[in-house]
Amino acid sequence: KRYLVKKSQWIIGGDGWAYDIGFGGLDHVLASGENVNVLVLDTEVYSNTGGQSSKSSRAGSIAQFTASGKPMQKKDLGYITMTYGNIFVAQINSNASQANTIKAIAAAEAYDGPSLVIAYSPCIAHGIKGGMAYSGGQGELATKCGYWPTYVYDPRLIKEGKNPLKMTSKEPDWSLYEEFLLNEVRYNSLKKTNPEHADELLAKNKADAQRRYRQLKRLSLADFSDEVETSAEASQSSE
């Protein structure tokens, strides 16, 4: 028996694929209900094809095709996927917590169904102050300031009447948000060329992050006890 090991199947890709050009295919696979795991390395830019802006890029970021700063907010892939109700979803950041990262990946693997894990992924296109050697500290700051909160959504808890969403990161310190943004060339370069426009877009960047966090927080505090009652009523009616 020790030679008969369950195969671990993972699909790994970047945000350009997951959020943009391959989103239809990704959505199709996740909606199939099959026991497959997906890991998205989210750099928030088309890292492999020249650093173009993607749907994962945030407001105010500089990249190819958004030289004057991206005007729109980041697509929330995790939140969209949670609406299915039967897909395991996690947002992770190994620089913020290696323990939470390992737990989330192990839980995704153990879940008998589709899983989506979205990982904070530093990239040379971010232009981190001091270079990629400082990406660890910048990554830690990303979660601490609220730019990249971490969470786990486990659908198995719904059947027990428990809330499936758990925030695994602490309450953000929003006063550190500007410091995080200005540590990266993709955000601070616009401050030099067009400071007024940059202030407007970077304020929107922060407001978008706060709105996304409030959405997650509200869902994490919701009462799911009626899900058990609804399931029981449905099974009785079918009998």
Protein backbone atom coordinates (compact mmCIF):
# COMPACT_ATOMS: atom_id res chain seq x y z
CA LYS A 1 0.00 0.00 0.00
CA ARG A 2 2.88 2.39 0.65
CA TYR A 3 3.62 2.47 -3.08
CA LEU A 4 0.04 3.38 -4.02
CA VAL A 5 -0.03 7.11 -3.43
CA LYS A 6 -2.86 9.45 -4.40
CA LYS A 7 -1.77 11.71 -7.24
CA SER A 8 -1.54 15.40 -6.45
CA GLN A 9 -2.71 17.44 -9.41
CA TRP A 10 -1.86 21.14 -9.56
CA ILE A 11 -2.30 23.68 -12.33
CA ILE A 12 0.16 26.57 -11.86
CA GLY A 13 0.04 29.86 -13.75
CA GLY A 14 0.41 33.61 -13.50
CA ASP A 15 -2.20 36.32 -13.15
CA GLY A 16 -2.10 37.24 -16.86
CA TRP A 17 -3.37 33.73 -17.59
CA ALA A 18 -5.73 33.39 -14.59
CA TYR A 19 -7.31 36.85 -14.64
CA ASP A 20 -7.23 37.63 -18.37
CA ILE A 21 -6.55 35.44 -21.38
CA GLY A 22 -7.12 32.10 -19.62
CA PHE A 23 -9.91 33.12 -17.26
CA GLY A 24 -12.63 31.38 -19.30
CA GLY A 25 -10.73 28.10 -19.21
CA LEU A 26 -9.87 28.46 -15.53
CA ASP A 27 -13.50 29.18 -14.68
CA HIS A 28 -14.59 26.14 -16.70
CA VAL A 29 -12.19 23.84 -14.82
CA LEU A 30 -13.11 25.18 -11.38
CA ALA A 31 -16.84 24.95 -12.17
CA SER A 32 -16.47 21.30 -13.21
CA GLY A 33 -16.39 20.17 -9.59
CA GLU A 34 -13.39 17.92 -10.28
CA ASN A 35 -10.73 17.40 -7.61
CA VAL A 36 -8.13 19.71 -9.10
CA ASN A 37 -5.91 22.33 -7.46
CA VAL A 38 -4.93 25.66 -9.02
CA LEU A 39 -2.09 27.90 -7.82
CA VAL A 40 -2.02 31.44 -9.21
CA LEU A 41 1.28 33.31 -8.83
CA ASP A 42 -0.14 36.82 -8.76
CA THR A 43 2.43 39.45 -9.76
CA GLU A 44 -0.30 41.91 -10.84
CA VAL A 45 1.38 42.36 -14.22
CA TYR A 46 2.14 40.28 -17.34
CA SER A 47 5.58 39.29 -16.04
CA ASN A 48 6.45 36.76 -18.75
CA THR A 49 5.50 38.83 -21.79
CA GLY A 50 7.03 42.25 -21.17
CA GLY A 51 5.29 43.72 -18.12
CA GLN A 52 1.98 44.81 -19.59
CA SER A 53 -0.91 45.81 -17.34
CA SER A 54 -3.40 43.04 -16.54
CA LYS A 55 -6.83 42.82 -14.89
CA SER A 56 -4.90 41.98 -11.74
CA SER A 57 -3.03 45.32 -11.83
CA ARG A 58 -4.22 47.98 -9.41
CA ALA A 59 -5.18 51.63 -9.83
CA GLY A 60 -2.21 53.95 -10.24
CA SER A 61 0.25 51.24 -11.30
CA ILE A 62 2.58 51.96 -14.22
CA ALA A 63 3.09 49.30 -16.89
CA GLN A 64 2.96 48.94 -20.66
CA PHE A 65 -0.39 50.26 -21.94
CA THR A 66 -0.96 52.15 -18.65
CA ALA A 67 1.94 54.63 -18.77
CA SER A 68 -0.16 57.31 -17.09
CA GLY A 69 -1.35 54.96 -14.33
CA LYS A 70 -4.07 52.33 -14.51
CA PRO A 71 -7.45 53.98 -13.83
CA MET A 72 -9.41 50.86 -12.84
CA GLN A 73 -9.38 48.63 -9.76
CA LYS A 74 -7.98 45.09 -9.50
CA LYS A 75 -10.22 42.17 -10.44
CA ASP A 76 -11.06 40.13 -7.32
CA LEU A 77 -10.53 36.56 -8.52
CA GLY A 78 -10.88 35.02 -5.07
CA TYR A 79 -14.17 36.76 -4.30
CA ILE A 80 -15.60 35.81 -7.70
CA THR A 81 -14.66 32.16 -7.18
CA MET A 82 -16.22 32.05 -3.69
CA THR A 83 -19.63 32.76 -5.20
CA TYR A 84 -19.78 29.17 -6.47
CA GLY A 85 -19.99 27.98 -2.87
CA ASN A 86 -18.25 24.64 -3.46
CA ILE A 87 -14.71 25.77 -4.36
CA PHE A 88 -11.92 25.96 -1.77
CA VAL A 89 -10.28 29.40 -2.05
CA ALA A 90 -7.23 30.79 -0.27
CA GLN A 91 -5.20 33.97 -0.59
CA ILE A 92 -1.68 33.51 0.76
CA ASN A 93 1.55 35.42 1.37
CA SER A 94 4.60 33.40 2.44
CA ASN A 95 6.44 36.57 3.48
CA ALA A 96 3.63 37.45 5.89
CA SER A 97 3.26 33.95 7.36
CA GLN A 98 4.92 30.76 6.21
CA ALA A 99 2.76 28.73 8.64
CA ASN A 100 -0.51 30.06 7.19
CA THR A 101 0.83 29.50 3.67
CA ILE A 102 1.65 25.84 4.32
CA LYS A 103 -1.67 25.25 6.09
CA ALA A 104 -3.64 26.77 3.21
CA ILE A 105 -1.85 24.71 0.54
CA ALA A 106 -2.25 21.51 2.60
CA ALA A 107 -5.97 22.24 3.12
CA ALA A 108 -6.44 22.89 -0.61
CA GLU A 109 -4.78 19.55 -1.37
CA ALA A 110 -6.94 17.73 1.20
CA TYR A 111 -10.19 19.25 -0.11
CA ASP A 112 -12.10 16.77 -2.28
CA GLY A 113 -13.08 19.20 -5.02
CA PRO A 114 -11.72 22.20 -6.93
CA SER A 115 -9.30 24.49 -5.09
CA LEU A 116 -7.89 27.91 -5.96
CA VAL A 117 -4.87 29.34 -4.14
CA ILE A 118 -3.80 32.90 -5.00
CA ALA A 119 -0.25 33.74 -3.92
CA TYR A 120 1.33 37.16 -3.46
CA SER A 121 4.29 37.06 -5.84
CA PRO A 122 6.96 39.80 -5.93
CA CYS A 123 8.25 40.62 -9.41
CA ILE A 124 11.16 42.56 -10.88
CA ALA A 125 8.58 44.68 -12.73
CA HIS A 126 7.43 46.08 -9.37
CA GLY A 127 10.70 47.99 -9.05
CA ILE A 128 11.04 47.35 -5.31
CA LYS A 129 13.29 49.92 -3.62
CA GLY A 130 16.69 48.28 -3.14
CA GLY A 131 15.92 45.44 -5.56
CA MET A 132 14.42 41.98 -5.25
CA ALA A 133 16.64 41.25 -2.23
CA TYR A 134 14.18 43.41 -0.27
CA SER A 135 11.04 41.68 -1.58
CA GLY A 136 10.64 39.74 1.68
CA GLY A 137 10.19 42.85 3.79
CA GLN A 138 7.99 44.45 1.15
CA GLY A 139 5.86 41.30 1.01
CA GLU A 140 5.44 41.32 4.78
CA LEU A 141 4.40 44.98 4.62
CA ALA A 142 1.86 44.16 1.87
CA THR A 143 -0.24 42.14 4.30
CA LYS A 144 0.45 44.31 7.33
CA CYS A 145 -0.84 47.45 5.56
CA GLY A 146 -3.94 45.81 4.05
CA TYR A 147 -2.73 45.66 0.45
CA TRP A 148 -2.77 41.85 0.48
CA PRO A 149 -4.93 40.35 3.27
CA THR A 150 -4.81 36.57 3.60
CA TYR A 151 -7.78 34.25 4.09
CA VAL A 152 -9.10 30.72 3.64
CA TYR A 153 -12.57 29.83 2.34
CA ASP A 154 -13.43 26.19 3.13
CA PRO A 155 -16.88 25.10 1.80
CA ARG A 156 -16.92 22.03 4.08
CA LEU A 157 -17.76 24.30 7.03
CA ILE A 158 -21.02 25.41 5.40
CA LYS A 159 -22.54 21.94 5.89
CA GLU A 160 -21.85 22.30 9.62
CA GLY A 161 -23.56 25.70 9.72
CA LYS A 162 -20.21 27.43 10.23
CA ASN A 163 -18.79 30.39 8.35
CA PRO A 164 -16.50 29.06 5.58
CA LEU A 165 -14.36 32.21 5.42
CA LYS A 166 -11.58 32.81 7.91
CA MET A 167 -9.27 35.83 7.80
CA THR A 168 -5.75 34.53 8.52
CA SER A 169 -4.08 37.95 8.58
CA LYS A 170 -4.41 40.52 11.35
CA GLU A 171 -6.41 43.73 11.14
CA PRO A 172 -4.53 46.00 8.69
CA ASP A 173 -2.61 49.10 9.72
CA TRP A 174 -3.82 51.38 6.94
CA SER A 175 -1.38 54.12 7.98
CA LEU A 176 1.40 52.01 6.38
CA TYR A 177 -0.34 51.78 3.01
CA GLU A 178 1.34 54.77 1.34
CA GLU A 179 4.74 53.56 2.54
CA PHE A 180 4.13 50.23 0.81
CA LEU A 181 3.11 51.88 -2.47
CA LEU A 182 6.01 54.32 -2.55
CA ASN A 183 8.51 51.49 -2.03
CA GLU A 184 7.81 50.40 -5.63
CA VAL A 185 8.65 52.12 -8.93
CA ARG A 186 5.35 51.00 -10.48
CA TYR A 187 3.62 53.37 -8.04
CA ASN A 188 6.15 56.06 -7.13
CA SER A 189 7.22 56.94 -10.72
CA LEU A 190 3.86 58.57 -11.43
CA LYS A 191 4.38 60.82 -8.39
CA LYS A 192 7.39 62.31 -10.17
CA THR A 193 5.81 62.89 -13.58
CA ASN A 194 2.25 63.82 -12.60
CA PRO A 195 1.95 64.23 -8.80
CA GLU A 196 -1.68 65.43 -8.73
CA HIS A 197 -2.92 62.57 -10.91
CA ALA A 198 -0.79 60.14 -8.91
CA ASP A 199 -2.32 61.30 -5.62
CA GLU A 200 -5.78 60.75 -7.05
CA LEU A 201 -5.06 57.26 -8.39
CA LEU A 202 -3.10 56.07 -5.35
CA ALA A 203 -5.93 57.28 -3.10
CA LYS A 204 -8.26 55.17 -5.23
CA ASN A 205 -5.84 52.24 -4.89
CA LYS A 206 -6.13 52.44 -1.11
CA ALA A 207 -9.90 52.97 -1.18
CA ASP A 208 -10.29 49.89 -3.41
CA ALA A 209 -8.20 47.81 -0.99
CA GLN A 210 -10.27 49.02 1.97
CA ARG A 211 -13.52 48.19 0.15
CA ARG A 212 -12.25 44.70 -0.69
CA TYR A 213 -11.22 44.16 2.92
CA ARG A 214 -14.63 45.29 4.19
CA GLN A 215 -16.30 42.81 1.80
CA LEU A 216 -14.15 39.97 3.13
CA LYS A 217 -14.67 41.03 6.73
CA ARG A 218 -18.46 41.20 6.32
CA LEU A 219 -18.54 37.73 4.78
CA SER A 220 -16.26 36.32 7.51
CA LEU A 221 -18.72 37.56 10.17
CA ALA A 222 -21.90 36.32 8.45
CA ASP A 223 -24.20 33.74 10.07
CA PHE A 224 -24.31 30.46 8.16
CA SER A 225 -26.40 28.47 10.66
CA ASP A 226 -29.45 28.61 8.40
CA GLU A 227 -27.53 26.66 5.73
CA VAL A 228 -27.87 23.50 7.84
CA GLU A 229 -31.62 24.05 8.24
CA THR A 230 -32.05 24.64 4.50
CA SER A 231 -30.12 21.47 3.67
CA ALA A 232 -32.21 19.45 6.14
CA GLU A 233 -35.47 20.79 4.68
CA ALA A 234 -34.29 19.97 1.15
CA SER A 235 -33.43 16.36 2.07
CA GLN A 236 -36.81 15.88 3.81
CA SER A 237 -38.74 17.20 0.83
CA SER A 238 -36.85 14.88 -1.52
CA GLU A 239 -37.78 11.89 0.64
